[in-house]
Amino acid sequence: MSEHVLKHPASRGRQVSLDQRIAELRNRKPVDLNHGEGLMLQGIAAASLREQRLAGQIAPED
């Protein structure tokens, strides 16, 4: 599926594929967020998508 490789703090130096990281996150227990944390995460996601769109990594929305 994906050829991307990510490094994240939980990996302790090992590299994992994007598919493996997604599977890890899906298997985690849900965490309650307050409203401020939800807004912060939403802002981070929007900024990330904007950067990817500007870099041409994803197609722009119509």
Protein backbone atom coordinates (compact mmCIF):
# COMPACT_ATOMS: atom_id res chain seq x y z
CA MET A 1 0.00 0.00 0.00
CA SER A 2 2.38 2.72 1.17
CA GLU A 3 6.12 3.00 0.73
CA HIS A 4 6.50 5.77 3.35
CA VAL A 5 8.63 5.06 6.41
CA LEU A 6 8.15 6.99 9.63
CA LYS A 7 10.14 7.39 12.81
CA HIS A 8 8.19 8.16 15.93
CA PRO A 9 9.13 8.37 19.62
CA ALA A 10 7.47 5.06 20.51
CA SER A 11 9.67 3.23 17.98
CA ARG A 12 12.89 3.81 19.99
CA GLY A 13 14.97 4.15 16.84
CA ARG A 14 13.35 1.45 14.69
CA GLN A 15 11.67 2.49 11.48
CA VAL A 16 8.13 1.40 10.69
CA SER A 17 6.08 1.69 7.54
CA LEU A 18 3.12 4.02 7.41
CA ASP A 19 0.79 1.00 7.27
CA GLN A 20 2.33 -0.43 10.44
CA ARG A 21 1.99 2.91 12.24
CA ILE A 22 -1.67 3.18 11.21
CA ALA A 23 -2.31 -0.33 12.52
CA GLU A 24 -0.62 0.57 15.84
CA LEU A 25 -2.76 3.67 16.22
CA ARG A 26 -5.97 1.82 15.37
CA ASN A 27 -5.18 -0.81 18.02
CA ARG A 28 -4.65 1.79 20.78
CA LYS A 29 -7.31 2.40 23.39
CA PRO A 30 -9.32 5.61 22.84
CA VAL A 31 -8.24 8.68 24.81
CA ASP A 32 -10.59 11.36 26.06
CA LEU A 33 -9.69 14.86 24.84
CA ASN A 34 -10.95 18.16 26.09
CA HIS A 35 -12.25 20.78 23.66
CA GLY A 36 -8.97 22.69 23.55
CA GLU A 37 -6.94 19.59 22.75
CA GLY A 38 -9.38 18.67 19.98
CA LEU A 39 -9.07 22.12 18.42
CA MET A 40 -5.28 21.98 18.66
CA LEU A 41 -5.14 18.58 16.92
CA GLN A 42 -7.55 19.79 14.25
CA GLY A 43 -5.31 22.80 13.61
CA ILE A 44 -2.20 20.62 13.38
CA ALA A 45 -3.93 18.31 10.88
CA ALA A 46 -5.15 21.24 8.76
CA ALA A 47 -1.65 22.78 8.71
CA SER A 48 -0.11 19.44 7.72
CA LEU A 49 -2.55 19.00 4.84
CA ARG A 50 -1.93 22.57 3.73
CA GLU A 51 1.85 21.96 3.67
CA GLN A 52 1.40 18.73 1.71
CA ARG A 53 -0.86 20.48 -0.79
CA LEU A 54 1.66 23.33 -1.21
CA ALA A 55 4.47 20.81 -1.70
CA GLY A 56 2.42 19.03 -4.36
CA GLN A 57 2.29 15.78 -2.40
CA ILE A 58 -1.52 15.64 -2.56
CA ALA A 59 -3.96 16.92 -5.16
CA PRO A 60 -5.81 20.15 -4.32
CA GLU A 61 -9.50 19.96 -3.48
CA ASP A 62 -12.00 21.28 -6.02
